[in-house]
C-alpha atoms as a PDB file:
ATOM      1  CA  UNK A   1       0.057   0.218   0.328  1.00  0.00           C
ATOM      2  CA  UNK A   2       1.411   3.101  -1.374  1.00  0.00           C
ATOM      3  CA  UNK A   3      -0.424   5.854   0.475  1.00  0.00           C
ATOM      4  CA  UNK A   4      -1.523   6.867   3.892  1.00  0.00           C
ATOM      5  CA  UNK A   5      -4.987   5.755   4.790  1.00  0.00           C
ATOM      6  CA  UNK A   6      -7.061   9.195   5.000  1.00  0.00           C
ATOM      7  CA  UNK A   7      -7.420  10.194   8.878  1.00  0.00           C
ATOM      8  CA  UNK A   8     -11.071  10.531  10.394  1.00  0.00           C
ATOM      9  CA  UNK A   9      -9.357  11.878  14.199  1.00  0.00           C
ATOM     10  CA  UNK A  10      -7.567  14.958  12.703  1.00  0.00           C
ATOM     11  CA  UNK A  11      -7.517  16.581  16.010  1.00  0.00           C
ATOM     12  CA  UNK A  12      -3.764  17.628  17.032  1.00  0.00           C
ATOM     13  CA  UNK A  13      -2.659  16.248  20.273  1.00  0.00           C
ATOM     14  CA  UNK A  14      -1.571  19.943  20.561  1.00  0.00           C
ATOM     15  CA  UNK A  15      -4.713  21.526  19.892  1.00  0.00           C
ATOM     16  CA  UNK A  16      -6.183  19.625  23.271  1.00  0.00           C
ATOM     17  CA  UNK A  17      -5.073  21.030  26.888  1.00  0.00           C
ATOM     18  CA  UNK A  18      -1.621  20.706  27.951  1.00  0.00           C
ATOM     19  CA  UNK A  19      -0.471  20.566  31.290  1.00  0.00           C
ATOM     20  CA  UNK A  20       2.537  23.108  30.924  1.00  0.00           C
ATOM     21  CA  UNK A  21       4.912  24.156  28.337  1.00  0.00           C
ATOM     22  CA  UNK A  22       7.688  21.920  27.675  1.00  0.00           C
ATOM     23  CA  UNK A  23      10.988  22.937  29.289  1.00  0.00           C
ATOM     24  CA  UNK A  24      13.567  23.913  26.834  1.00  0.00           C
ATOM     25  CA  UNK A  25      15.831  21.155  28.566  1.00  0.00           C
ATOM     26  CA  UNK A  26      13.464  18.742  28.039  1.00  0.00           C
ATOM     27  CA  UNK A  27      12.185  19.941  24.403  1.00  0.00           C
ATOM     28  CA  UNK A  28      16.011  19.984  23.144  1.00  0.00           C
ATOM     29  CA  UNK A  29      16.214  16.616  24.219  1.00  0.00           C
ATOM     30  CA  UNK A  30      13.102  15.614  22.632  1.00  0.00           C
ATOM     31  CA  UNK A  31      14.745  17.253  19.380  1.00  0.00           C
ATOM     32  CA  UNK A  32      17.571  15.438  19.306  1.00  0.00           C
ATOM     33  CA  UNK A  33      15.663  12.329  19.945  1.00  0.00           C
ATOM     34  CA  UNK A  34      13.483  12.513  17.364  1.00  0.00           C
ATOM     35  CA  UNK A  35      16.666  13.301  15.205  1.00  0.00           C
ATOM     36  CA  UNK A  36      17.891  10.345  15.841  1.00  0.00           C
ATOM     37  CA  UNK A  37      14.963   8.327  15.522  1.00  0.00           C
ATOM     38  CA  UNK A  38      14.866  10.060  12.060  1.00  0.00           C
ATOM     39  CA  UNK A  39      17.915   8.596  11.003  1.00  0.00           C
ATOM     40  CA  UNK A  40      17.689   5.329  12.463  1.00  0.00           C
ATOM     41  CA  UNK A  41      14.491   4.891  10.386  1.00  0.00           C
ATOM     42  CA  UNK A  42      15.627   6.066   7.365  1.00  0.00           C
ATOM     43  CA  UNK A  43      18.785   3.298   7.905  1.00  0.00           C
ATOM     44  CA  UNK A  44      15.995   0.885   8.111  1.00  0.00           C
ATOM     45  CA  UNK A  45      13.832   2.133   4.722  1.00  0.00           C
ATOM     46  CA  UNK A  46      17.196   2.111   2.985  1.00  0.00           C
ATOM     47  CA  UNK A  47      17.100  -2.480   3.376  1.00  0.00           C
ATOM     48  CA  UNK A  48      13.112  -2.209   2.765  1.00  0.00           C
ATOM     49  CA  UNK A  49      11.838  -4.313   0.404  1.00  0.00           C
ATOM     50  CA  UNK A  50       9.419  -1.337  -0.836  1.00  0.00           C
ATOM     51  CA  UNK A  51      10.337   1.869  -0.413  1.00  0.00           C
ATOM     52  CA  UNK A  52       6.946   3.191  -1.082  1.00  0.00           C
ATOM     53  CA  UNK A  53       4.810   1.067   1.347  1.00  0.00           C
ATOM     54  CA  UNK A  54       2.754   2.797   4.182  1.00  0.00           C
ATOM     55  CA  UNK A  55       3.595  -0.213   6.378  1.00  0.00           C
ATOM     56  CA  UNK A  56       7.338  -0.810   5.994  1.00  0.00           C
ATOM     57  CA  UNK A  57       7.317   3.190   6.762  1.00  0.00           C
ATOM     58  CA  UNK A  58       5.473   2.728   9.711  1.00  0.00           C
ATOM     59  CA  UNK A  59       7.036  -0.557  10.862  1.00  0.00           C
ATOM     60  CA  UNK A  60      10.911   1.319  10.246  1.00  0.00           C
ATOM     61  CA  UNK A  61       9.229   4.540  12.939  1.00  0.00           C
ATOM     62  CA  UNK A  62       8.138   1.837  15.825  1.00  0.00           C
ATOM     63  CA  UNK A  63      11.428  -0.142  15.560  1.00  0.00           C
ATOM     64  CA  UNK A  64      13.806   2.871  15.166  1.00  0.00           C
ATOM     65  CA  UNK A  65      11.992   4.378  18.446  1.00  0.00           C
ATOM     66  CA  UNK A  66      12.460   1.422  20.057  1.00  0.00           C
ATOM     67  CA  UNK A  67      16.150   0.809  19.118  1.00  0.00           C
ATOM     68  CA  UNK A  68      17.004   4.280  19.570  1.00  0.00           C
ATOM     69  CA  UNK A  69      15.948   4.706  23.367  1.00  0.00           C
ATOM     70  CA  UNK A  70      17.214   0.966  24.363  1.00  0.00           C
ATOM     71  CA  UNK A  71      13.745  -0.381  24.813  1.00  0.00           C
ATOM     72  CA  UNK A  72      14.056  -3.433  22.610  1.00  0.00           C
ATOM     73  CA  UNK A  73      11.266  -5.322  25.428  1.00  0.00           C
ATOM     74  CA  UNK A  74       8.805  -2.985  24.292  1.00  0.00           C
ATOM     75  CA  UNK A  75       8.714  -3.829  21.087  1.00  0.00           C
ATOM     76  CA  UNK A  76       7.095  -6.786  22.464  1.00  0.00           C
ATOM     77  CA  UNK A  77       7.897  -9.264  19.713  1.00  0.00           C
ATOM     78  CA  UNK A  78       8.569 -12.861  19.925  1.00  0.00           C
ATOM     79  CA  UNK A  79      11.559 -13.979  18.141  1.00  0.00           C
ATOM     80  CA  UNK A  80       9.355 -15.557  15.466  1.00  0.00           C
ATOM     81  CA  UNK A  81       7.414 -12.682  15.038  1.00  0.00           C
ATOM     82  CA  UNK A  82      11.047 -10.450  14.479  1.00  0.00           C
ATOM     83  CA  UNK A  83      12.230 -12.596  12.236  1.00  0.00           C
ATOM     84  CA  UNK A  84       9.015 -12.665  10.284  1.00  0.00           C
ATOM     85  CA  UNK A  85       8.820  -8.958  10.276  1.00  0.00           C
ATOM     86  CA  UNK A  86      12.267  -8.039   8.839  1.00  0.00           C
ATOM     87  CA  UNK A  87      11.678 -10.468   6.159  1.00  0.00           C
ATOM     88  CA  UNK A  88       8.091  -8.871   5.060  1.00  0.00           C
ATOM     89  CA  UNK A  89       9.431  -5.705   4.859  1.00  0.00           C
ATOM     90  CA  UNK A  90      13.551  -5.503   5.357  1.00  0.00           C
ATOM     91  CA  UNK A  91      15.010  -8.386   3.847  1.00  0.00           C
ATOM     92  CA  UNK A  92      17.765  -6.020   2.370  1.00  0.00           C
ATOM     93  CA  UNK A  93      19.427  -5.566   6.019  1.00  0.00           C
ATOM     94  CA  UNK A  94      22.638  -6.512   6.352  1.00  0.00           C
ATOM     95  CA  UNK A  95      23.552  -6.202  10.325  1.00  0.00           C
ATOM     96  CA  UNK A  96      20.582  -6.837  12.381  1.00  0.00           C
ATOM     97  CA  UNK A  97      20.577  -5.597  16.296  1.00  0.00           C
ATOM     98  CA  UNK A  98      21.465  -7.784  18.616  1.00  0.00           C
ATOM     99  CA  UNK A  99      18.157  -9.245  20.154  1.00  0.00           C
ATOM    100  CA  UNK A 100      17.555  -9.837  23.912  1.00  0.00           C
ATOM    101  CA  UNK A 101      16.834 -13.540  24.527  1.00  0.00           C
ATOM    102  CA  UNK A 102      13.223 -12.779  24.345  1.00  0.00           C
ATOM    103  CA  UNK A 103      11.243  -9.521  23.167  1.00  0.00           C
ATOM    104  CA  UNK A 104       8.322 -10.844  25.143  1.00  0.00           C
ATOM    105  CA  UNK A 105       7.265  -8.713  28.346  1.00  0.00           C
ATOM    106  CA  UNK A 106       8.680 -11.701  30.621  1.00  0.00           C
ATOM    107  CA  UNK A 107      11.833 -12.015  29.140  1.00  0.00           C
ATOM    108  CA  UNK A 108      15.467 -10.374  29.774  1.00  0.00           C
ATOM    109  CA  UNK A 109      16.151  -6.490  29.798  1.00  0.00           C
ATOM    110  CA  UNK A 110      16.267  -4.936  26.574  1.00  0.00           C
ATOM    111  CA  UNK A 111      19.066  -3.702  24.594  1.00  0.00           C
ATOM    112  CA  UNK A 112      20.198  -1.348  22.814  1.00  0.00           C
ATOM    113  CA  UNK A 113      20.787  -1.946  18.886  1.00  0.00           C
ATOM    114  CA  UNK A 114      23.505  -0.690  16.803  1.00  0.00           C
ATOM    115  CA  UNK A 115      21.918   2.722  15.811  1.00  0.00           C
ATOM    116  CA  UNK A 116      25.301   4.647  14.382  1.00  0.00           C
ATOM    117  CA  UNK A 117      24.871   8.481  15.100  1.00  0.00           C
ATOM    118  CA  UNK A 118      26.313   9.618  18.721  1.00  0.00           C
ATOM    119  CA  UNK A 119      23.280  11.279  18.495  1.00  0.00           C
ATOM    120  CA  UNK A 120      21.211   8.236  18.805  1.00  0.00           C
ATOM    121  CA  UNK A 121      23.271   6.633  21.638  1.00  0.00           C
ATOM    122  CA  UNK A 122      23.411  10.214  23.652  1.00  0.00           C
ATOM    123  CA  UNK A 123      19.466  10.448  23.413  1.00  0.00           C
ATOM    124  CA  UNK A 124      19.133   6.777  24.880  1.00  0.00           C
ATOM    125  CA  UNK A 125      21.460   7.370  27.307  1.00  0.00           C
ATOM    126  CA  UNK A 126      19.603  10.476  28.786  1.00  0.00           C
ATOM    127  CA  UNK A 127      16.077   8.641  28.594  1.00  0.00           C
ATOM    128  CA  UNK A 128      16.636   5.804  29.284  1.00  0.00           C
ATOM    129  CA  UNK A 129      17.156   6.207  33.196  1.00  0.00           C
ATOM    130  CA  UNK A 130      13.913   8.238  33.351  1.00  0.00           C
ATOM    131  CA  UNK A 131      11.650   5.654  31.090  1.00  0.00           C
ATOM    132  CA  UNK A 132      12.892   3.172  34.037  1.00  0.00           C
ATOM    133  CA  UNK A 133      11.620   4.753  36.767  1.00  0.00           C
ATOM    134  CA  UNK A 134       8.416   5.806  35.034  1.00  0.00           C
ATOM    135  CA  UNK A 135       7.746   2.158  34.880  1.00  0.00           C
ATOM    136  CA  UNK A 136       9.663   0.621  38.042  1.00  0.00           C
ATOM    137  CA  UNK A 137       6.635   1.361  40.319  1.00  0.00           C
ATOM    138  CA  UNK A 138       4.062  -0.487  38.240  1.00  0.00           C
ATOM    139  CA  UNK A 139       3.174  -4.172  38.966  1.00  0.00           C
ATOM    140  CA  UNK A 140       4.693  -6.454  36.415  1.00  0.00           C
ATOM    141  CA  UNK A 141       1.634  -8.776  36.398  1.00  0.00           C
ATOM    142  CA  UNK A 142      -0.588  -5.790  36.319  1.00  0.00           C
ATOM    143  CA  UNK A 143       2.061  -5.302  32.780  1.00  0.00           C
ATOM    144  CA  UNK A 144       1.270  -8.689  31.617  1.00  0.00           C
ATOM    145  CA  UNK A 145      -2.202  -8.595  31.940  1.00  0.00           C
ATOM    146  CA  UNK A 146      -3.098  -5.290  30.600  1.00  0.00           C
ATOM    147  CA  UNK A 147      -0.826  -6.128  27.485  1.00  0.00           C
ATOM    148  CA  UNK A 148      -2.418  -9.745  26.942  1.00  0.00           C
ATOM    149  CA  UNK A 149      -5.942  -8.287  26.722  1.00  0.00           C
ATOM    150  CA  UNK A 150      -4.860  -5.493  24.815  1.00  0.00           C
ATOM    151  CA  UNK A 151      -3.558  -7.296  21.978  1.00  0.00           C
ATOM    152  CA  UNK A 152      -6.122  -9.946  21.796  1.00  0.00           C
ATOM    153  CA  UNK A 153      -8.941  -6.579  21.765  1.00  0.00           C
ATOM    154  CA  UNK A 154      -6.784  -5.388  18.915  1.00  0.00           C
ATOM    155  CA  UNK A 155      -6.528  -8.684  16.955  1.00  0.00           C
ATOM    156  CA  UNK A 156     -10.439  -9.121  17.588  1.00  0.00           C
ATOM    157  CA  UNK A 157     -10.589  -6.047  14.937  1.00  0.00           C
ATOM    158  CA  UNK A 158      -8.059  -6.329  12.520  1.00  0.00           C
ATOM    159  CA  UNK A 159      -9.202  -5.146   8.951  1.00  0.00           C
ATOM    160  CA  UNK A 160      -9.178  -8.237   6.565  1.00  0.00           C
ATOM    161  CA  UNK A 161      -7.190  -6.387   3.561  1.00  0.00           C
ATOM    162  CA  UNK A 162      -3.642  -6.321   5.935  1.00  0.00           C
ATOM    163  CA  UNK A 163      -1.219  -8.673   6.277  1.00  0.00           C
ATOM    164  CA  UNK A 164      -2.206 -10.693   9.403  1.00  0.00           C
ATOM    165  CA  UNK A 165       1.511 -11.208  10.309  1.00  0.00           C
ATOM    166  CA  UNK A 166       1.908  -7.163  10.196  1.00  0.00           C
ATOM    167  CA  UNK A 167      -1.099  -6.821  12.019  1.00  0.00           C
ATOM    168  CA  UNK A 168      -0.440  -9.482  14.630  1.00  0.00           C
ATOM    169  CA  UNK A 169       3.029  -7.618  15.395  1.00  0.00           C
ATOM    170  CA  UNK A 170       1.516  -4.422  15.207  1.00  0.00           C
ATOM    171  CA  UNK A 171      -1.204  -4.965  17.619  1.00  0.00           C
ATOM    172  CA  UNK A 172       2.007  -6.296  20.191  1.00  0.00           C
ATOM    173  CA  UNK A 173       3.874  -3.114  19.899  1.00  0.00           C
ATOM    174  CA  UNK A 174       0.835  -0.570  20.402  1.00  0.00           C
ATOM    175  CA  UNK A 175      -0.220  -2.695  23.721  1.00  0.00           C
ATOM    176  CA  UNK A 176       3.581  -2.439  25.045  1.00  0.00           C
ATOM    177  CA  UNK A 177       3.746   1.334  23.793  1.00  0.00           C
ATOM    178  CA  UNK A 178       0.787   1.597  26.336  1.00  0.00           C
ATOM    179  CA  UNK A 179       3.423   1.020  29.112  1.00  0.00           C
ATOM    180  CA  UNK A 180       5.158   4.167  28.516  1.00  0.00           C
ATOM    181  CA  UNK A 181       4.117   7.553  30.167  1.00  0.00           C
ATOM    182  CA  UNK A 182       3.076   9.748  27.315  1.00  0.00           C
ATOM    183  CA  UNK A 183       1.089  10.203  24.416  1.00  0.00           C
ATOM    184  CA  UNK A 184       0.387   7.276  22.361  1.00  0.00           C
ATOM    185  CA  UNK A 185       1.867   8.694  19.630  1.00  0.00           C
ATOM    186  CA  UNK A 186       5.193   9.551  21.084  1.00  0.00           C
ATOM    187  CA  UNK A 187       5.251   6.273  22.713  1.00  0.00           C
ATOM    188  CA  UNK A 188       5.431   4.747  19.401  1.00  0.00           C
ATOM    189  CA  UNK A 189       7.903   7.172  17.768  1.00  0.00           C
ATOM    190  CA  UNK A 190       5.570   8.786  15.551  1.00  0.00           C
ATOM    191  CA  UNK A 191       4.959  12.302  14.425  1.00  0.00           C
ATOM    192  CA  UNK A 192       1.731  12.779  16.257  1.00  0.00           C
ATOM    193  CA  UNK A 193      -1.978  12.258  16.401  1.00  0.00           C
ATOM    194  CA  UNK A 194      -2.812  12.034  13.180  1.00  0.00           C
ATOM    195  CA  UNK A 195       0.164   8.778  12.088  1.00  0.00           C
ATOM    196  CA  UNK A 196      -1.194   7.184  15.191  1.00  0.00           C
ATOM    197  CA  UNK A 197      -5.091   7.451  13.947  1.00  0.00           C
ATOM    198  CA  UNK A 198      -3.616   6.460  10.254  1.00  0.00           C
ATOM    199  CA  UNK A 199      -2.251   3.556  11.517  1.00  0.00           C
ATOM    200  CA  UNK A 200      -5.083   2.456  13.849  1.00  0.00           C
ATOM    201  CA  UNK A 201      -7.526   3.305  10.919  1.00  0.00           C
ATOM    202  CA  UNK A 202      -6.030   0.912   8.626  1.00  0.00           C
ATOM    203  CA  UNK A 203      -4.971  -1.814  10.931  1.00  0.00           C
ATOM    204  CA  UNK A 204      -8.126  -2.085  13.509  1.00  0.00           C
ATOM    205  CA  UNK A 205     -10.995   0.385  11.662  1.00  0.00           C
ATOM    206  CA  UNK A 206     -13.752  -1.510  13.487  1.00  0.00           C
ATOM    207  CA  UNK A 207     -12.235  -0.139  16.917  1.00  0.00           C
ATOM    208  CA  UNK A 208     -11.516   3.013  15.759  1.00  0.00           C
ATOM    209  CA  UNK A 209     -15.081   3.748  14.798  1.00  0.00           C
ATOM    210  CA  UNK A 210     -16.230   3.489  17.939  1.00  0.00           C
ATOM    211  CA  UNK A 211     -13.900   6.941  19.130  1.00  0.00           C
ATOM    212  CA  UNK A 212     -16.937   8.870  18.692  1.00  0.00           C
ATOM    213  CA  UNK A 213     -15.637  11.538  21.860  1.00  0.00           C
ATOM    214  CA  UNK A 214     -12.326  11.799  20.017  1.00  0.00           C
ATOM    215  CA  UNK A 215     -10.546  10.768  22.614  1.00  0.00           C
ATOM    216  CA  UNK A 216      -6.787  10.864  23.125  1.00  0.00           C
ATOM    217  CA  UNK A 217      -5.692   7.080  21.603  1.00  0.00           C
ATOM    218  CA  UNK A 218      -4.053   5.316  25.059  1.00  0.00           C
ATOM    219  CA  UNK A 219      -7.394   6.695  27.325  1.00  0.00           C
ATOM    220  CA  UNK A 220      -9.524   5.547  24.391  1.00  0.00           C
ATOM    221  CA  UNK A 221      -7.322   2.408  24.242  1.00  0.00           C
ATOM    222  CA  UNK A 222      -7.861   1.556  28.109  1.00  0.00           C
ATOM    223  CA  UNK A 223     -10.954   2.511  28.157  1.00  0.00           C
ATOM    224  CA  UNK A 224     -12.607  -0.213  25.615  1.00  0.00           C
ATOM    225  CA  UNK A 225     -10.382  -2.444  27.230  1.00  0.00           C
ATOM    226  CA  UNK A 226     -11.669  -2.073  30.557  1.00  0.00           C
ATOM    227  CA  UNK A 227     -15.278  -1.444  28.939  1.00  0.00           C
ATOM    228  CA  UNK A 228     -14.636  -5.421  26.976  1.00  0.00           C
ATOM    229  CA  UNK A 229     -13.715  -7.070  30.217  1.00  0.00           C
ATOM    230  CA  UNK A 230     -16.826  -5.654  31.907  1.00  0.00           C
ATOM    231  CA  UNK A 231     -14.760  -3.192  34.242  1.00  0.00           C
ATOM    232  CA  UNK A 232     -14.701   0.357  35.485  1.00  0.00           C
ATOM    233  CA  UNK A 233     -12.814   2.138  32.668  1.00  0.00           C
ATOM    234  CA  UNK A 234      -9.404   3.492  33.733  1.00  0.00           C
ATOM    235  CA  UNK A 235      -5.907   4.681  32.962  1.00  0.00           C
ATOM    236  CA  UNK A 236      -3.501   2.429  31.152  1.00  0.00           C
ATOM    237  CA  UNK A 237      -0.698   1.754  33.046  1.00  0.00           C
ATOM    238  CA  UNK A 238       1.923   4.184  31.410  1.00  0.00           C
ATOM    239  CA  UNK A 239      -0.871   7.338  32.358  1.00  0.00           C
ATOM    240  CA  UNK A 240       0.090   8.398  35.392  1.00  0.00           C
ATOM    241  CA  UNK A 241       3.707   9.072  34.463  1.00  0.00           C
ATOM    242  CA  UNK A 242       2.349  11.521  31.700  1.00  0.00           C
ATOM    243  CA  UNK A 243       2.775  15.278  31.955  1.00  0.00           C
ATOM    244  CA  UNK A 244      -1.104  15.467  30.939  1.00  0.00           C
ATOM    245  CA  UNK A 245      -2.376  13.007  33.469  1.00  0.00           C
ATOM    246  CA  UNK A 246      -4.168  15.423  35.372  1.00  0.00           C
ATOM    247  CA  UNK A 247      -6.196  16.190  32.056  1.00  0.00           C
ATOM    248  CA  UNK A 248      -7.461  12.351  31.270  1.00  0.00           C
ATOM    249  CA  UNK A 249      -8.135  11.923  34.445  1.00  0.00           C
ATOM    250  CA  UNK A 250      -8.764  14.445  36.369  1.00  0.00           C
ATOM    251  CA  UNK A 251      -9.254  14.242  40.662  1.00  0.00           C
ATOM    252  CA  UNK A 252     -12.709  13.126  41.292  1.00  0.00           C
ATOM    253  CA  UNK A 253     -14.057  15.835  43.542  1.00  0.00           C
END
């Protein structure tokens, strides 16, 4: 598929309430990280089977975000899933990153792959401690249960027109990204809400149409998961660490 799907949810996160302006130091760090991710995604695209494919561009960004940040474990893929993803989209890759023993949540700690730029290494080092601190306070069993259930929910809503192997990988990647403490588009390493919308519309359209309130995507996914399980809607595991948590989930008076 050469063209991106037309987004039905075009409201940018920038138009939604923000808790405060980002401090200059954090903004500069985020900019360096974005540049490093873009550079690494470009390297993945140099090995692409189809350089015009929407899906290949998407996975290049998703992989680069985890690789540059040193968060391989949050890619959430098994070795079989990873091998299949690479063979379908990046068969020209000559040197693959050193992989953990398992990408699964209960596997070994994530390893930083060989992103070549100094900027990538610096950005990953600068963010690793913050990312770890933001997630260490959450119960690991809660992570496992949330990821497993959200992945299953997403796979119930797969677009039959997309490759099942890609949908399977993407469901894992999205579910694991919800463990990070930020907006989903940042967690995934995408450019904004519109890219998340396009991704979800292509792969999980029957779920997207339920977002009639145009909720932020992570909040929406957590809400739909809770409702599907007969539970009271609440935040995703990573939400409490987000600077805008108070806007999405204001205190009850």
